[in-house]
Amino acid sequence: MLPVVTVAVFLLVTAGVYLLLHRSLLRVALGLTCLTHGVNFLVLSAGRWGSAAPIVTDGVGAANIADPVPQAFVLTAIVIAMAFTLYLLAGMAVQTRWGGIPKLVPAAEDDAALPAESILAELEGRGEET
C-alpha cells in the first residue's frame, strides 16, 4: 500500500506545482487544489492505518485502531481548501465580468508608476480603464 500512496502523493504535488507556475488564474486554482489534495493524502497516510474505529472497548487492541487526529486535520483542511478555491474562482469570475482576462500580472513597485485614472478606478471598485 505504501508505494501506491507515495506515487499518488508525488503525482498530485507535481501536478499542483506545475499548474501553480502558470499565469492563468484557473490553472492556479486547480494547482492549489491538487497540491492541497496531495498534502492531505500525505497527512492522512502518516496516521496509523487500522481496520477498527477509534473506540476504546475491551476486545480492541491498540495495534489495529485508526488514528483519529490526522483524519480530523484532513477534514478541516479540506473545508479550508474548498473555501479558498471558491474565493479564487469568485475573483476570477469578477475579473472576467469586468472584461479582463483572468491572468496573474506582477504588481507595480509603487503607486507612482501607475496612472492616476487607474488608481481612481481601483479605489472606486471598477475594473482597469484601458
N, C-alpha and C. Protein backbone atom coordinates (compact mmCIF):
# COMPACT_ATOMS: atom_id res chain seq x y z
N MET A 1 0.82 -1.20 0.00
CA MET A 1 0.00 0.00 0.00
C MET A 1 0.86 1.26 0.00
N LEU A 2 2.03 1.20 0.62
CA LEU A 2 2.88 2.38 0.72
C LEU A 2 3.37 2.88 -0.64
N PRO A 3 3.79 2.01 -1.59
CA PRO A 3 4.21 2.55 -2.90
C PRO A 3 3.07 3.25 -3.65
N VAL A 4 1.85 2.76 -3.51
CA VAL A 4 0.72 3.39 -4.19
C VAL A 4 0.47 4.78 -3.61
N VAL A 5 0.54 4.90 -2.29
CA VAL A 5 0.34 6.19 -1.63
C VAL A 5 1.45 7.15 -2.02
N THR A 6 2.67 6.66 -2.07
CA THR A 6 3.81 7.52 -2.42
C THR A 6 3.68 8.05 -3.84
N VAL A 7 3.31 7.19 -4.77
CA VAL A 7 3.16 7.62 -6.16
C VAL A 7 1.99 8.60 -6.29
N ALA A 8 0.90 8.35 -5.59
CA ALA A 8 -0.25 9.25 -5.66
C ALA A 8 0.10 10.63 -5.11
N VAL A 9 0.79 10.67 -3.98
CA VAL A 9 1.18 11.96 -3.40
C VAL A 9 2.15 12.68 -4.33
N PHE A 10 3.09 11.94 -4.90
CA PHE A 10 4.06 12.54 -5.82
C PHE A 10 3.37 13.13 -7.05
N LEU A 11 2.43 12.40 -7.63
CA LEU A 11 1.74 12.88 -8.82
C LEU A 11 0.87 14.10 -8.51
N LEU A 12 0.18 14.09 -7.39
CA LEU A 12 -0.68 15.22 -7.03
C LEU A 12 0.15 16.48 -6.75
N VAL A 13 1.24 16.33 -6.02
CA VAL A 13 2.07 17.50 -5.70
C VAL A 13 2.78 18.01 -6.95
N THR A 14 3.24 17.10 -7.80
CA THR A 14 3.91 17.52 -9.04
C THR A 14 2.94 18.26 -9.96
N ALA A 15 1.74 17.73 -10.14
CA ALA A 15 0.75 18.40 -10.98
C ALA A 15 0.36 19.75 -10.37
N GLY A 16 0.24 19.81 -9.05
CA GLY A 16 -0.10 21.07 -8.39
C GLY A 16 0.96 22.14 -8.57
N VAL A 17 2.23 21.77 -8.41
CA VAL A 17 3.30 22.75 -8.59
C VAL A 17 3.40 23.18 -10.05
N TYR A 18 3.23 22.24 -10.98
CA TYR A 18 3.27 22.59 -12.40
C TYR A 18 2.16 23.59 -12.75
N LEU A 19 0.96 23.34 -12.25
CA LEU A 19 -0.15 24.24 -12.55
C LEU A 19 -0.01 25.59 -11.86
N LEU A 20 0.64 25.62 -10.70
CA LEU A 20 0.85 26.89 -9.99
C LEU A 20 1.79 27.82 -10.74
N LEU A 21 2.64 27.28 -11.61
CA LEU A 21 3.62 28.10 -12.31
C LEU A 21 3.05 28.82 -13.54
N HIS A 22 1.78 28.62 -13.84
CA HIS A 22 1.14 29.29 -14.97
C HIS A 22 0.55 30.62 -14.52
N ARG A 23 0.26 31.47 -15.49
CA ARG A 23 -0.31 32.78 -15.16
C ARG A 23 -1.82 32.78 -15.16
N SER A 24 -2.43 31.76 -15.72
CA SER A 24 -3.88 31.69 -15.76
C SER A 24 -4.42 31.42 -14.35
N LEU A 25 -5.40 32.20 -13.95
CA LEU A 25 -5.94 32.06 -12.60
C LEU A 25 -6.67 30.74 -12.40
N LEU A 26 -7.29 30.23 -13.46
CA LEU A 26 -7.95 28.94 -13.36
C LEU A 26 -6.93 27.82 -13.12
N ARG A 27 -5.81 27.87 -13.81
CA ARG A 27 -4.77 26.85 -13.59
C ARG A 27 -4.16 26.98 -12.20
N VAL A 28 -4.03 28.19 -11.71
CA VAL A 28 -3.52 28.38 -10.35
C VAL A 28 -4.49 27.79 -9.33
N ALA A 29 -5.78 27.99 -9.53
CA ALA A 29 -6.78 27.42 -8.62
C ALA A 29 -6.75 25.90 -8.67
N LEU A 30 -6.65 25.33 -9.88
CA LEU A 30 -6.56 23.88 -9.99
C LEU A 30 -5.26 23.35 -9.40
N GLY A 31 -4.18 24.10 -9.55
CA GLY A 31 -2.90 23.70 -8.97
C GLY A 31 -2.94 23.69 -7.45
N LEU A 32 -3.55 24.71 -6.87
CA LEU A 32 -3.69 24.73 -5.42
C LEU A 32 -4.56 23.59 -4.92
N THR A 33 -5.59 23.26 -5.69
CA THR A 33 -6.46 22.15 -5.32
C THR A 33 -5.69 20.83 -5.35
N CYS A 34 -4.92 20.60 -6.42
CA CYS A 34 -4.12 19.37 -6.50
C CYS A 34 -3.08 19.32 -5.39
N LEU A 35 -2.45 20.44 -5.13
CA LEU A 35 -1.43 20.48 -4.08
C LEU A 35 -2.03 20.19 -2.71
N THR A 36 -3.17 20.76 -2.41
CA THR A 36 -3.78 20.51 -1.11
C THR A 36 -4.27 19.07 -0.98
N HIS A 37 -4.77 18.50 -2.09
CA HIS A 37 -5.17 17.09 -2.03
C HIS A 37 -3.96 16.19 -1.79
N GLY A 38 -2.84 16.50 -2.41
CA GLY A 38 -1.64 15.72 -2.19
C GLY A 38 -1.14 15.80 -0.76
N VAL A 39 -1.15 17.00 -0.21
CA VAL A 39 -0.70 17.17 1.18
C VAL A 39 -1.69 16.52 2.15
N ASN A 40 -2.98 16.62 1.86
CA ASN A 40 -3.97 15.96 2.71
C ASN A 40 -3.79 14.44 2.68
N PHE A 41 -3.53 13.90 1.52
CA PHE A 41 -3.29 12.47 1.40
C PHE A 41 -2.03 12.05 2.14
N LEU A 42 -1.01 12.91 2.10
CA LEU A 42 0.23 12.63 2.83
C LEU A 42 0.00 12.63 4.34
N VAL A 43 -0.74 13.61 4.83
CA VAL A 43 -1.04 13.68 6.27
C VAL A 43 -1.90 12.49 6.70
N LEU A 44 -2.86 12.14 5.87
CA LEU A 44 -3.72 11.00 6.20
C LEU A 44 -2.94 9.70 6.20
N SER A 45 -2.00 9.56 5.29
CA SER A 45 -1.20 8.33 5.26
C SER A 45 -0.16 8.29 6.38
N ALA A 46 0.16 9.43 6.95
CA ALA A 46 1.11 9.45 8.07
C ALA A 46 0.47 8.91 9.35
N GLY A 47 -0.84 8.95 9.41
CA GLY A 47 -1.53 8.39 10.57
C GLY A 47 -1.50 6.87 10.53
N ARG A 48 -1.88 6.27 11.60
CA ARG A 48 -1.87 4.82 11.69
C ARG A 48 -3.03 4.24 10.88
N TRP A 49 -2.73 3.26 10.03
CA TRP A 49 -3.74 2.60 9.22
C TRP A 49 -4.29 1.44 10.02
N GLY A 50 -5.50 1.56 10.46
CA GLY A 50 -6.11 0.48 11.22
C GLY A 50 -7.45 0.11 10.62
N SER A 51 -7.91 -1.06 11.02
CA SER A 51 -9.19 -1.52 10.48
C SER A 51 -10.35 -1.24 11.42
N ALA A 52 -10.06 -0.89 12.64
CA ALA A 52 -11.12 -0.66 13.64
C ALA A 52 -11.29 0.84 13.88
N ALA A 53 -12.50 1.21 14.25
CA ALA A 53 -12.79 2.60 14.59
C ALA A 53 -12.09 2.95 15.90
N PRO A 54 -11.76 4.21 16.09
CA PRO A 54 -11.06 4.61 17.32
C PRO A 54 -11.97 4.68 18.53
N ILE A 55 -12.60 3.57 18.86
CA ILE A 55 -13.46 3.48 20.04
C ILE A 55 -12.81 2.50 20.99
N VAL A 56 -12.62 2.90 22.22
CA VAL A 56 -11.95 2.04 23.19
C VAL A 56 -12.96 1.08 23.79
N THR A 57 -12.74 -0.19 23.54
CA THR A 57 -13.56 -1.25 24.14
C THR A 57 -12.62 -2.34 24.64
N ASP A 58 -13.19 -3.36 25.25
CA ASP A 58 -12.36 -4.40 25.86
C ASP A 58 -11.67 -5.28 24.82
N GLY A 59 -12.32 -5.62 23.71
CA GLY A 59 -11.75 -6.57 22.77
C GLY A 59 -10.86 -5.96 21.70
N VAL A 60 -10.67 -4.65 21.66
CA VAL A 60 -9.91 -3.99 20.61
C VAL A 60 -8.54 -3.61 21.14
N GLY A 61 -7.50 -4.05 20.43
CA GLY A 61 -6.14 -3.69 20.83
C GLY A 61 -5.70 -2.40 20.16
N ALA A 62 -4.61 -1.85 20.62
CA ALA A 62 -4.12 -0.58 20.09
C ALA A 62 -3.46 -0.74 18.72
N ALA A 63 -3.14 -1.96 18.32
CA ALA A 63 -2.44 -2.18 17.07
C ALA A 63 -3.32 -1.97 15.85
N ASN A 64 -4.60 -2.26 15.94
CA ASN A 64 -5.45 -2.16 14.76
C ASN A 64 -6.50 -1.04 14.86
N ILE A 65 -6.21 -0.02 15.64
CA ILE A 65 -7.12 1.14 15.75
C ILE A 65 -6.57 2.26 14.87
N ALA A 66 -7.43 2.87 14.08
CA ALA A 66 -7.03 4.00 13.24
C ALA A 66 -6.86 5.25 14.10
N ASP A 67 -5.88 6.08 13.73
CA ASP A 67 -5.61 7.31 14.48
C ASP A 67 -6.60 8.40 14.02
N PRO A 68 -7.40 8.97 14.92
CA PRO A 68 -8.40 9.96 14.50
C PRO A 68 -7.86 11.37 14.29
N VAL A 69 -6.66 11.69 14.81
CA VAL A 69 -6.15 13.05 14.73
C VAL A 69 -5.84 13.46 13.29
N PRO A 70 -5.10 12.65 12.49
CA PRO A 70 -4.89 13.05 11.10
C PRO A 70 -6.19 13.16 10.30
N GLN A 71 -7.15 12.34 10.63
CA GLN A 71 -8.43 12.42 9.94
C GLN A 71 -9.13 13.75 10.24
N ALA A 72 -9.04 14.19 11.47
CA ALA A 72 -9.65 15.48 11.84
C ALA A 72 -8.92 16.64 11.16
N PHE A 73 -7.57 16.57 11.11
CA PHE A 73 -6.80 17.62 10.43
C PHE A 73 -7.15 17.68 8.95
N VAL A 74 -7.25 16.53 8.31
CA VAL A 74 -7.53 16.49 6.88
C VAL A 74 -8.94 16.99 6.60
N LEU A 75 -9.89 16.65 7.44
CA LEU A 75 -11.26 17.13 7.24
C LEU A 75 -11.31 18.66 7.34
N THR A 76 -10.61 19.22 8.31
CA THR A 76 -10.55 20.67 8.44
C THR A 76 -9.84 21.30 7.25
N ALA A 77 -8.75 20.68 6.80
CA ALA A 77 -8.01 21.22 5.66
C ALA A 77 -8.82 21.16 4.37
N ILE A 78 -9.64 20.15 4.22
CA ILE A 78 -10.49 20.05 3.03
C ILE A 78 -11.50 21.20 3.00
N VAL A 79 -12.08 21.51 4.14
CA VAL A 79 -13.06 22.61 4.20
C VAL A 79 -12.37 23.95 3.91
N ILE A 80 -11.19 24.17 4.46
CA ILE A 80 -10.47 25.42 4.22
C ILE A 80 -10.05 25.53 2.76
N ALA A 81 -9.57 24.44 2.18
CA ALA A 81 -9.15 24.45 0.77
C ALA A 81 -10.34 24.71 -0.15
N MET A 82 -11.50 24.14 0.18
CA MET A 82 -12.68 24.38 -0.63
C MET A 82 -13.08 25.85 -0.58
N ALA A 83 -13.05 26.44 0.60
CA ALA A 83 -13.41 27.86 0.72
C ALA A 83 -12.42 28.74 -0.04
N PHE A 84 -11.14 28.43 0.04
CA PHE A 84 -10.14 29.23 -0.66
C PHE A 84 -10.27 29.07 -2.17
N THR A 85 -10.58 27.87 -2.63
CA THR A 85 -10.77 27.64 -4.07
C THR A 85 -11.99 28.41 -4.57
N LEU A 86 -13.07 28.40 -3.80
CA LEU A 86 -14.25 29.17 -4.20
C LEU A 86 -13.96 30.67 -4.22
N TYR A 87 -13.12 31.14 -3.30
CA TYR A 87 -12.72 32.54 -3.28
C TYR A 87 -11.93 32.89 -4.55
N LEU A 88 -11.00 32.01 -4.94
CA LEU A 88 -10.24 32.25 -6.17
C LEU A 88 -11.14 32.24 -7.40
N LEU A 89 -12.07 31.29 -7.45
CA LEU A 89 -12.97 31.22 -8.60
C LEU A 89 -13.91 32.42 -8.65
N ALA A 90 -14.33 32.92 -7.51
CA ALA A 90 -15.16 34.14 -7.49
C ALA A 90 -14.36 35.34 -7.96
N GLY A 91 -13.11 35.43 -7.55
CA GLY A 91 -12.25 36.51 -8.04
C GLY A 91 -12.03 36.43 -9.53
N MET A 92 -11.89 35.21 -10.03
CA MET A 92 -11.73 35.01 -11.48
C MET A 92 -13.00 35.43 -12.22
N ALA A 93 -14.17 35.11 -11.66
CA ALA A 93 -15.43 35.48 -12.30
C ALA A 93 -15.61 37.00 -12.32
N VAL A 94 -15.22 37.67 -11.25
CA VAL A 94 -15.33 39.13 -11.20
C VAL A 94 -14.39 39.75 -12.22
N GLN A 95 -13.18 39.23 -12.31
CA GLN A 95 -12.22 39.79 -13.27
C GLN A 95 -12.67 39.55 -14.71
N THR A 96 -13.29 38.42 -14.96
CA THR A 96 -13.81 38.14 -16.30
C THR A 96 -15.02 39.03 -16.60
N ARG A 97 -15.85 39.29 -15.63
CA ARG A 97 -17.02 40.15 -15.82
C ARG A 97 -16.61 41.58 -16.14
N TRP A 98 -15.50 42.03 -15.58
CA TRP A 98 -15.00 43.38 -15.87
C TRP A 98 -14.44 43.47 -17.28
N GLY A 99 -14.35 42.35 -17.97
CA GLY A 99 -13.88 42.38 -19.34
C GLY A 99 -12.41 42.01 -19.48
N GLY A 100 -11.77 41.70 -18.41
CA GLY A 100 -10.37 41.34 -18.49
C GLY A 100 -10.17 39.84 -18.59
N ILE A 101 -8.98 39.46 -18.93
CA ILE A 101 -8.63 38.05 -18.97
C ILE A 101 -8.10 37.69 -17.59
N PRO A 102 -8.62 36.63 -16.98
CA PRO A 102 -8.19 36.30 -15.62
C PRO A 102 -6.77 35.73 -15.59
N LYS A 103 -5.79 36.62 -15.61
CA LYS A 103 -4.39 36.23 -15.55
C LYS A 103 -3.72 36.95 -14.40
N LEU A 104 -2.70 36.34 -13.87
CA LEU A 104 -1.91 36.96 -12.82
C LEU A 104 -0.85 37.84 -13.46
N VAL A 105 -0.77 39.07 -13.04
CA VAL A 105 0.24 40.00 -13.54
C VAL A 105 1.04 40.52 -12.36
N PRO A 106 2.29 40.83 -12.58
CA PRO A 106 3.07 41.35 -11.45
C PRO A 106 2.57 42.74 -11.04
N ALA A 107 2.62 43.00 -9.77
CA ALA A 107 2.17 44.28 -9.23
C ALA A 107 3.24 45.35 -9.48
N ALA A 108 2.79 46.59 -9.54
CA ALA A 108 3.72 47.69 -9.69
C ALA A 108 4.51 47.89 -8.40
N GLU A 109 5.70 48.43 -8.54
CA GLU A 109 6.55 48.64 -7.37
C GLU A 109 5.90 49.63 -6.39
N ASP A 110 5.35 50.70 -6.91
CA ASP A 110 4.65 51.66 -6.06
C ASP A 110 3.57 52.34 -6.91
N ASP A 111 2.73 53.13 -6.28
CA ASP A 111 1.63 53.77 -6.98
C ASP A 111 2.08 54.91 -7.87
N ALA A 112 3.32 55.38 -7.70
CA ALA A 112 3.80 56.48 -8.53
C ALA A 112 3.96 56.04 -9.98
N ALA A 113 4.18 54.74 -10.21
CA ALA A 113 4.35 54.24 -11.57
C ALA A 113 3.02 54.07 -12.30
N LEU A 114 1.91 54.11 -11.57
CA LEU A 114 0.59 53.91 -12.18
C LEU A 114 -0.04 55.24 -12.56
N PRO A 115 -0.84 55.25 -13.63
CA PRO A 115 -1.55 56.49 -13.97
C PRO A 115 -2.64 56.77 -12.93
N ALA A 116 -3.00 58.04 -12.80
CA ALA A 116 -3.98 58.45 -11.80
C ALA A 116 -5.35 57.85 -12.08
N GLU A 117 -5.71 57.67 -13.36
CA GLU A 117 -7.02 57.09 -13.69
C GLU A 117 -7.12 55.65 -13.19
N SER A 118 -6.04 54.92 -13.29
CA SER A 118 -6.04 53.52 -12.84
C SER A 118 -6.20 53.42 -11.33
N ILE A 119 -5.55 54.29 -10.60
CA ILE A 119 -5.66 54.30 -9.13
C ILE A 119 -7.08 54.70 -8.72
N LEU A 120 -7.65 55.69 -9.40
CA LEU A 120 -9.01 56.12 -9.10
C LEU A 120 -10.02 55.01 -9.40
N ALA A 121 -9.84 54.31 -10.51
CA ALA A 121 -10.74 53.21 -10.86
C ALA A 121 -10.64 52.08 -9.85
N GLU A 122 -9.45 51.83 -9.35
CA GLU A 122 -9.28 50.77 -8.34
C GLU A 122 -9.94 51.15 -7.03
N LEU A 123 -9.84 52.41 -6.64
CA LEU A 123 -10.45 52.86 -5.39
C LEU A 123 -11.97 52.89 -5.48
N GLU A 124 -12.51 53.11 -6.66
CA GLU A 124 -13.96 53.13 -6.84
C GLU A 124 -14.54 51.74 -7.06
N GLY A 125 -13.68 50.74 -7.21
CA GLY A 125 -14.16 49.37 -7.38
C GLY A 125 -14.48 49.01 -8.81
N ARG A 126 -14.01 49.79 -9.76
CA ARG A 126 -14.22 49.46 -11.15
C ARG A 126 -13.02 48.68 -11.67
N GLY A 127 -13.18 48.10 -12.83
CA GLY A 127 -12.06 47.41 -13.48
C GLY A 127 -11.05 48.42 -13.99
N GLU A 128 -9.94 47.91 -14.50
CA GLU A 128 -8.93 48.81 -15.03
C GLU A 128 -9.45 49.50 -16.27
N GLU A 129 -9.21 50.76 -16.36
CA GLU A 129 -9.62 51.54 -17.53
C GLU A 129 -8.49 51.47 -18.53
N THR A 130 -8.73 50.74 -19.63
CA THR A 130 -7.69 50.64 -20.66
C THR A 130 -8.18 51.17 -21.96
